[in-house]
PDB file of N, CA and C in Angstrom:
ATOM      1  N   MET A   1     134.656  63.569 145.842  1.00  0.00           N
ATOM      2  CA  MET A   1     133.437  64.353 145.870  1.00  0.00           C
ATOM      3  C   MET A   1     132.993  64.659 144.441  1.00  0.00           C
ATOM      4  N   LEU A   2     131.718  64.513 144.190  1.00  0.00           N
ATOM      5  CA  LEU A   2     131.158  64.767 142.869  1.00  0.00           C
ATOM      6  C   LEU A   2     131.026  66.260 142.609  1.00  0.00           C
ATOM      7  N   ASN A   3     131.337  66.652 141.402  1.00  0.00           N
ATOM      8  CA  ASN A   3     131.176  68.048 141.011  1.00  0.00           C
ATOM      9  C   ASN A   3     129.861  68.162 140.233  1.00  0.00           C
ATOM     10  N   VAL A   4     128.836  68.701 140.882  1.00  0.00           N
ATOM     11  CA  VAL A   4     127.517  68.825 140.266  1.00  0.00           C
ATOM     12  C   VAL A   4     127.389  70.225 139.669  1.00  0.00           C
ATOM     13  N   PRO A   5     127.105  70.304 138.360  1.00  0.00           N
ATOM     14  CA  PRO A   5     126.979  71.637 137.750  1.00  0.00           C
ATOM     15  C   PRO A   5     125.772  72.385 138.306  1.00  0.00           C
ATOM     16  N   ARG A   6     125.953  73.670 138.476  1.00  0.00           N
ATOM     17  CA  ARG A   6     124.855  74.522 138.955  1.00  0.00           C
ATOM     18  C   ARG A   6     123.859  74.755 137.828  1.00  0.00           C
ATOM     19  N   LYS A   7     122.624  74.915 138.218  1.00  0.00           N
ATOM     20  CA  LYS A   7     121.573  75.173 137.238  1.00  0.00           C
ATOM     21  C   LYS A   7     121.724  76.604 136.715  1.00  0.00           C
ATOM     22  N   VAL A   8     121.696  76.740 135.421  1.00  0.00           N
ATOM     23  CA  VAL A   8     121.816  78.041 134.782  1.00  0.00           C
ATOM     24  C   VAL A   8     120.445  78.698 134.735  1.00  0.00           C
ATOM     25  N   ARG A   9     120.414  80.020 134.883  1.00  0.00           N
ATOM     26  CA  ARG A   9     119.126  80.725 134.792  1.00  0.00           C
ATOM     27  C   ARG A   9     118.437  80.396 133.490  1.00  0.00           C
ATOM     28  N   GLN A  10     117.160  80.123 133.613  1.00  0.00           N
ATOM     29  CA  GLN A  10     116.394  79.737 132.437  1.00  0.00           C
ATOM     30  C   GLN A  10     115.793  80.970 131.769  1.00  0.00           C
ATOM     31  N   PRO A  11     115.784  80.970 130.445  1.00  0.00           N
ATOM     32  CA  PRO A  11     115.090  82.066 129.753  1.00  0.00           C
ATOM     33  C   PRO A  11     113.577  81.873 129.877  1.00  0.00           C
ATOM     34  N   ALA A  12     112.840  82.917 129.616  1.00  0.00           N
ATOM     35  CA  ALA A  12     111.380  82.835 129.655  1.00  0.00           C
ATOM     36  C   ALA A  12     110.912  81.717 128.729  1.00  0.00           C
ATOM     37  N   LYS A  13     109.934  80.946 129.194  1.00  0.00           N
ATOM     38  CA  LYS A  13     109.461  79.799 128.427  1.00  0.00           C
ATOM     39  C   LYS A  13     108.442  80.180 127.361  1.00  0.00           C
ATOM     40  N   HIS A  14     107.556  81.062 127.679  1.00  0.00           N
ATOM     41  CA  HIS A  14     106.456  81.399 126.777  1.00  0.00           C
ATOM     42  C   HIS A  14     106.151  82.883 126.916  1.00  0.00           C
ATOM     43  N   PRO A  15     105.787  83.551 125.838  1.00  0.00           N
ATOM     44  CA  PRO A  15     105.492  84.991 125.926  1.00  0.00           C
ATOM     45  C   PRO A  15     104.431  85.337 126.975  1.00  0.00           C
ATOM     46  N   ALA A  16     103.443  84.468 127.171  1.00  0.00           N
ATOM     47  CA  ALA A  16     102.401  84.743 128.163  1.00  0.00           C
ATOM     48  C   ALA A  16     102.970  84.732 129.579  1.00  0.00           C
ATOM     49  N   LEU A  17     103.932  83.840 129.835  1.00  0.00           N
ATOM     50  CA  LEU A  17     104.563  83.793 131.155  1.00  0.00           C
ATOM     51  C   LEU A  17     105.410  85.037 131.394  1.00  0.00           C
ATOM     52  N   LYS A  18     106.091  85.460 130.358  1.00  0.00           N
ATOM     53  CA  LYS A  18     106.898  86.674 130.467  1.00  0.00           C
ATOM     54  C   LYS A  18     106.001  87.892 130.722  1.00  0.00           C
ATOM     55  N   LYS A  19     104.863  87.944 130.046  1.00  0.00           N
ATOM     56  CA  LYS A  19     103.919  89.047 130.209  1.00  0.00           C
ATOM     57  C   LYS A  19     103.349  89.063 131.628  1.00  0.00           C
ATOM     58  N   LEU A  20     102.967  87.893 132.142  1.00  0.00           N
ATOM     59  CA  LEU A  20     102.454  87.787 133.501  1.00  0.00           C
ATOM     60  C   LEU A  20     103.508  88.253 134.506  1.00  0.00           C
ATOM     61  N   GLY A  21     104.720  87.772 134.340  1.00  0.00           N
ATOM     62  CA  GLY A  21     105.794  88.142 135.253  1.00  0.00           C
ATOM     63  C   GLY A  21     106.099  89.624 135.237  1.00  0.00           C
ATOM     64  N   SER A  22     106.105  90.187 134.051  1.00  0.00           N
ATOM     65  CA  SER A  22     106.352  91.620 133.906  1.00  0.00           C
ATOM     66  C   SER A  22     105.266  92.437 134.580  1.00  0.00           C
ATOM     67  N   ARG A  23     104.025  91.990 134.437  1.00  0.00           N
ATOM     68  CA  ARG A  23     102.892  92.703 135.039  1.00  0.00           C
ATOM     69  C   ARG A  23     102.930  92.608 136.567  1.00  0.00           C
ATOM     70  N   VAL A  24     103.261  91.425 137.083  1.00  0.00           N
ATOM     71  CA  VAL A  24     103.379  91.250 138.536  1.00  0.00           C
ATOM     72  C   VAL A  24     104.464  92.186 139.075  1.00  0.00           C
ATOM     73  N   ARG A  25     105.608  92.212 138.402  1.00  0.00           N
ATOM     74  CA  ARG A  25     106.705  93.086 138.843  1.00  0.00           C
ATOM     75  C   ARG A  25     106.278  94.558 138.797  1.00  0.00           C
ATOM     76  N   GLN A  26     105.611  94.958 137.717  1.00  0.00           N
ATOM     77  CA  GLN A  26     105.164  96.345 137.565  1.00  0.00           C
ATOM     78  C   GLN A  26     104.225  96.745 138.701  1.00  0.00           C
ATOM     79  N   LEU A  27     103.242  95.914 138.985  1.00  0.00           N
ATOM     80  CA  LEU A  27     102.275  96.216 140.043  1.00  0.00           C
ATOM     81  C   LEU A  27     102.934  96.195 141.425  1.00  0.00           C
ATOM     82  N   ARG A  28     103.819  95.234 141.635  1.00  0.00           N
ATOM     83  CA  ARG A  28     104.519  95.133 142.916  1.00  0.00           C
ATOM     84  C   ARG A  28     105.349  96.380 143.179  1.00  0.00           C
ATOM     85  N   GLN A  29     106.115  96.798 142.190  1.00  0.00           N
ATOM     86  CA  GLN A  29     106.968  97.977 142.345  1.00  0.00           C
ATOM     87  C   GLN A  29     106.138  99.248 142.503  1.00  0.00           C
ATOM     88  N   ALA A  30     105.010  99.349 141.798  1.00  0.00           N
ATOM     89  CA  ALA A  30     104.149 100.524 141.913  1.00  0.00           C
ATOM     90  C   ALA A  30     103.583 100.665 143.328  1.00  0.00           C
ATOM     91  N   ARG A  31     103.457  99.531 144.023  1.00  0.00           N
ATOM     92  CA  ARG A  31     102.939  99.550 145.387  1.00  0.00           C
ATOM     93  C   ARG A  31     104.049  99.629 146.434  1.00  0.00           C
ATOM     94  N   GLY A  32     105.289  99.659 145.974  1.00  0.00           N
ATOM     95  CA  GLY A  32     106.420  99.772 146.889  1.00  0.00           C
ATOM     96  C   GLY A  32     106.638  98.528 147.745  1.00  0.00           C
ATOM     97  N   VAL A  33     106.301  97.369 147.183  1.00  0.00           N
ATOM     98  CA  VAL A  33     106.436  96.106 147.912  1.00  0.00           C
ATOM     99  C   VAL A  33     107.641  95.354 147.366  1.00  0.00           C
ATOM    100  N   SER A  34     108.445  94.809 148.248  1.00  0.00           N
ATOM    101  CA  SER A  34     109.590  94.019 147.799  1.00  0.00           C
ATOM    102  C   SER A  34     109.108  92.654 147.320  1.00  0.00           C
ATOM    103  N   GLN A  35     109.949  92.010 146.544  1.00  0.00           N
ATOM    104  CA  GLN A  35     109.624  90.677 146.052  1.00  0.00           C
ATOM    105  C   GLN A  35     109.465  89.715 147.229  1.00  0.00           C
ATOM    106  N   GLU A  36     110.321  89.859 148.214  1.00  0.00           N
ATOM    107  CA  GLU A  36     110.256  89.004 149.402  1.00  0.00           C
ATOM    108  C   GLU A  36     108.953  89.225 150.177  1.00  0.00           C
ATOM    109  N   ALA A  37     108.548  90.482 150.327  1.00  0.00           N
ATOM    110  CA  ALA A  37     107.307  90.788 151.045  1.00  0.00           C
ATOM    111  C   ALA A  37     106.098  90.234 150.299  1.00  0.00           C
ATOM    112  N   LEU A  38     106.097  90.346 148.972  1.00  0.00           N
ATOM    113  CA  LEU A  38     104.983  89.799 148.189  1.00  0.00           C
ATOM    114  C   LEU A  38     104.938  88.280 148.323  1.00  0.00           C
ATOM    115  N   ALA A  39     106.092  87.659 148.315  1.00  0.00           N
ATOM    116  CA  ALA A  39     106.151  86.206 148.496  1.00  0.00           C
ATOM    117  C   ALA A  39     105.559  85.821 149.854  1.00  0.00           C
ATOM    118  N   ASP A  40     105.905  86.569 150.892  1.00  0.00           N
ATOM    119  CA  ASP A  40     105.370  86.286 152.228  1.00  0.00           C
ATOM    120  C   ASP A  40     103.860  86.501 152.286  1.00  0.00           C
ATOM    121  N   LEU A  41     103.377  87.572 151.653  1.00  0.00           N
ATOM    122  CA  LEU A  41     101.937  87.859 151.643  1.00  0.00           C
ATOM    123  C   LEU A  41     101.128  86.756 150.969  1.00  0.00           C
ATOM    124  N   THR A  42     101.702  86.172 149.942  1.00  0.00           N
ATOM    125  CA  THR A  42     100.980  85.181 149.146  1.00  0.00           C
ATOM    126  C   THR A  42     101.242  83.742 149.578  1.00  0.00           C
ATOM    127  N   GLY A  43     102.270  83.541 150.381  1.00  0.00           N
ATOM    128  CA  GLY A  43     102.631  82.180 150.756  1.00  0.00           C
ATOM    129  C   GLY A  43     103.368  81.443 149.652  1.00  0.00           C
ATOM    130  N   ILE A  44     103.882  82.199 148.701  1.00  0.00           N
ATOM    131  CA  ILE A  44     104.657  81.634 147.592  1.00  0.00           C
ATOM    132  C   ILE A  44     106.131  81.777 147.957  1.00  0.00           C
ATOM    133  N   GLY A  45     106.926  80.774 147.684  1.00  0.00           N
ATOM    134  CA  GLY A  45     108.356  80.827 147.987  1.00  0.00           C
ATOM    135  C   GLY A  45     109.051  81.968 147.264  1.00  0.00           C
ATOM    136  N   ARG A  46     110.081  82.516 147.902  1.00  0.00           N
ATOM    137  CA  ARG A  46     110.790  83.663 147.315  1.00  0.00           C
ATOM    138  C   ARG A  46     111.442  83.328 145.979  1.00  0.00           C
ATOM    139  N   SER A  47     112.072  82.165 145.889  1.00  0.00           N
ATOM    140  CA  SER A  47     112.714  81.811 144.615  1.00  0.00           C
ATOM    141  C   SER A  47     111.667  81.532 143.535  1.00  0.00           C
ATOM    142  N   TYR A  48     110.533  80.959 143.936  1.00  0.00           N
ATOM    143  CA  TYR A  48     109.446  80.715 142.985  1.00  0.00           C
ATOM    144  C   TYR A  48     108.882  82.051 142.495  1.00  0.00           C
ATOM    145  N   MET A  49     108.741  83.018 143.416  1.00  0.00           N
ATOM    146  CA  MET A  49     108.253  84.356 143.049  1.00  0.00           C
ATOM    147  C   MET A  49     109.192  84.999 142.033  1.00  0.00           C
ATOM    148  N   SER A  50     110.481  84.843 142.261  1.00  0.00           N
ATOM    149  CA  SER A  50     111.461  85.366 141.316  1.00  0.00           C
ATOM    150  C   SER A  50     111.272  84.729 139.944  1.00  0.00           C
ATOM    151  N   GLY A  51     111.027  83.426 139.920  1.00  0.00           N
ATOM    152  CA  GLY A  51     110.793  82.718 138.665  1.00  0.00           C
ATOM    153  C   GLY A  51     109.536  83.182 137.956  1.00  0.00           C
ATOM    154  N   ILE A  52     108.493  83.502 138.725  1.00  0.00           N
ATOM    155  CA  ILE A  52     107.264  84.028 138.125  1.00  0.00           C
ATOM    156  C   ILE A  52     107.571  85.353 137.440  1.00  0.00           C
ATOM    157  N   GLU A  53     108.266  86.239 138.145  1.00  0.00           N
ATOM    158  CA  GLU A  53     108.565  87.556 137.576  1.00  0.00           C
ATOM    159  C   GLU A  53     109.508  87.475 136.372  1.00  0.00           C
ATOM    160  N   ARG A  54     110.362  86.468 136.333  1.00  0.00           N
ATOM    161  CA  ARG A  54     111.266  86.299 135.190  1.00  0.00           C
ATOM    162  C   ARG A  54     110.589  85.578 134.027  1.00  0.00           C
ATOM    163  N   GLY A  55     109.400  85.017 134.269  1.00  0.00           N
ATOM    164  CA  GLY A  55     108.668  84.320 133.210  1.00  0.00           C
ATOM    165  C   GLY A  55     109.135  82.908 132.979  1.00  0.00           C
ATOM    166  N   VAL A  56     109.790  82.300 133.979  1.00  0.00           N
ATOM    167  CA  VAL A  56     110.259  80.920 133.819  1.00  0.00           C
ATOM    168  C   VAL A  56     109.420  79.925 134.606  1.00  0.00           C
ATOM    169  N   ARG A  57     108.482  80.417 135.397  1.00  0.00           N
ATOM    170  CA  ARG A  57     107.582  79.546 136.153  1.00  0.00           C
ATOM    171  C   ARG A  57     106.173  79.635 135.587  1.00  0.00           C
ATOM    172  N   ASN A  58     105.583  78.480 135.381  1.00  0.00           N
ATOM    173  CA  ASN A  58     104.206  78.398 134.901  1.00  0.00           C
ATOM    174  C   ASN A  58     103.328  78.234 136.135  1.00  0.00           C
ATOM    175  N   CYS A  59     102.967  79.353 136.743  1.00  0.00           N
ATOM    176  CA  CYS A  59     102.261  79.288 138.024  1.00  0.00           C
ATOM    177  C   CYS A  59     100.806  78.854 137.836  1.00  0.00           C
ATOM    178  N   SER A  60     100.266  78.285 138.886  1.00  0.00           N
ATOM    179  CA  SER A  60      98.895  77.771 138.856  1.00  0.00           C
ATOM    180  C   SER A  60      97.881  78.905 138.971  1.00  0.00           C
ATOM    181  N   VAL A  61      96.649  78.575 138.697  1.00  0.00           N
ATOM    182  CA  VAL A  61      95.555  79.531 138.838  1.00  0.00           C
ATOM    183  C   VAL A  61      95.470  80.003 140.293  1.00  0.00           C
ATOM    184  N   LEU A  62      95.705  79.101 141.229  1.00  0.00           N
ATOM    185  CA  LEU A  62      95.666  79.476 142.647  1.00  0.00           C
ATOM    186  C   LEU A  62      96.725  80.526 142.967  1.00  0.00           C
ATOM    187  N   HIS A  63      97.908  80.395 142.374  1.00  0.00           N
ATOM    188  CA  HIS A  63      98.946  81.410 142.586  1.00  0.00           C
ATOM    189  C   HIS A  63      98.527  82.745 141.974  1.00  0.00           C
ATOM    190  N   VAL A  64      97.903  82.706 140.812  1.00  0.00           N
ATOM    191  CA  VAL A  64      97.426  83.945 140.179  1.00  0.00           C
ATOM    192  C   VAL A  64      96.388  84.612 141.085  1.00  0.00           C
ATOM    193  N   LEU A  65      95.499  83.824 141.665  1.00  0.00           N
ATOM    194  CA  LEU A  65      94.492  84.381 142.576  1.00  0.00           C
ATOM    195  C   LEU A  65      95.137  84.998 143.815  1.00  0.00           C
ATOM    196  N   LYS A  66      96.130  84.334 144.377  1.00  0.00           N
ATOM    197  CA  LYS A  66      96.845  84.865 145.544  1.00  0.00           C
ATOM    198  C   LYS A  66      97.569  86.156 145.202  1.00  0.00           C
ATOM    199  N   LEU A  67      98.217  86.181 144.041  1.00  0.00           N
ATOM    200  CA  LEU A  67      98.938  87.386 143.615  1.00  0.00           C
ATOM    201  C   LEU A  67      97.971  88.547 143.403  1.00  0.00           C
ATOM    202  N   ALA A  68      96.850  88.274 142.754  1.00  0.00           N
ATOM    203  CA  ALA A  68      95.862  89.325 142.494  1.00  0.00           C
ATOM    204  C   ALA A  68      95.340  89.901 143.807  1.00  0.00           C
ATOM    205  N   LYS A  69      95.044  89.036 144.758  1.00  0.00           N
ATOM    206  CA  LYS A  69      94.536  89.503 146.049  1.00  0.00           C
ATOM    207  C   LYS A  69      95.584  90.358 146.764  1.00  0.00           C
ATOM    208  N   ALA A  70      96.827  89.899 146.782  1.00  0.00           N
ATOM    209  CA  ALA A  70      97.893  90.629 147.470  1.00  0.00           C
ATOM    210  C   ALA A  70      98.177  91.979 146.808  1.00  0.00           C
ATOM    211  N   LEU A  71      97.979  92.052 145.486  1.00  0.00           N
ATOM    212  CA  LEU A  71      98.242  93.291 144.754  1.00  0.00           C
ATOM    213  C   LEU A  71      96.986  94.148 144.589  1.00  0.00           C
ATOM    214  N   SER A  72      95.874  93.694 145.157  1.00  0.00           N
ATOM    215  CA  SER A  72      94.583  94.410 145.112  1.00  0.00           C
ATOM    216  C   SER A  72      94.121  94.687 143.687  1.00  0.00           C
ATOM    217  N   VAL A  73      94.184  93.656 142.847  1.00  0.00           N
ATOM    218  CA  VAL A  73      93.702  93.762 141.472  1.00  0.00           C
ATOM    219  C   VAL A  73      92.863  92.529 141.162  1.00  0.00           C
ATOM    220  N   GLN A  74      92.138  92.587 140.062  1.00  0.00           N
ATOM    221  CA  GLN A  74      91.401  91.435 139.574  1.00  0.00           C
ATOM    222  C   GLN A  74      92.397  90.484 138.912  1.00  0.00           C
ATOM    223  N   PRO A  75      92.168  89.174 138.984  1.00  0.00           N
ATOM    224  CA  PRO A  75      93.105  88.233 138.350  1.00  0.00           C
ATOM    225  C   PRO A  75      93.372  88.537 136.872  1.00  0.00           C
ATOM    226  N   GLY A  76      92.351  88.964 136.141  1.00  0.00           N
ATOM    227  CA  GLY A  76      92.532  89.311 134.732  1.00  0.00           C
ATOM    228  C   GLY A  76      93.476  90.470 134.502  1.00  0.00           C
ATOM    229  N   ASP A  77      93.579  91.353 135.514  1.00  0.00           N
ATOM    230  CA  ASP A  77      94.487  92.501 135.391  1.00  0.00           C
ATOM    231  C   ASP A  77      95.956  92.084 135.352  1.00  0.00           C
ATOM    232  N   LEU A  78      96.246  90.877 135.834  1.00  0.00           N
ATOM    233  CA  LEU A  78      97.621  90.389 135.790  1.00  0.00           C
ATOM    234  C   LEU A  78      98.023  89.970 134.376  1.00  0.00           C
ATOM    235  N   LEU A  79      97.025  89.753 133.537  1.00  0.00           N
ATOM    236  CA  LEU A  79      97.311  89.307 132.170  1.00  0.00           C
ATOM    237  C   LEU A  79      97.106  90.399 131.135  1.00  0.00           C
ATOM    238  N   SER A  80      96.707  91.588 131.576  1.00  0.00           N
ATOM    239  CA  SER A  80      96.498  92.687 130.643  1.00  0.00           C
ATOM    240  C   SER A  80      97.550  93.774 130.848  1.00  0.00           C
ATOM    241  N   ASN A  81      97.651  94.634 129.869  1.00  0.00           N
ATOM    242  CA  ASN A  81      98.612  95.730 129.979  1.00  0.00           C
ATOM    243  C   ASN A  81      97.960  96.778 130.800  1.00  0.00           C
TER     244      ASN A  81
END
């Protein structure tokens, strides 16, 4: 049997991704929504949602629009402090 190494958690790729992820987490927690519930609301996979919040996923504009709608904010609010 082959021993396949597990993927190690990736650090944030770009400061903008980290900022987006931090803002999504901040808004999600302020609304008392779990990461899993937000993933279900948006149709985004739970592990992908985790990657967005950690700043390791470069999500599409469509994902940003879905997140903004689910969090009841304007898409630009996800990129601002």
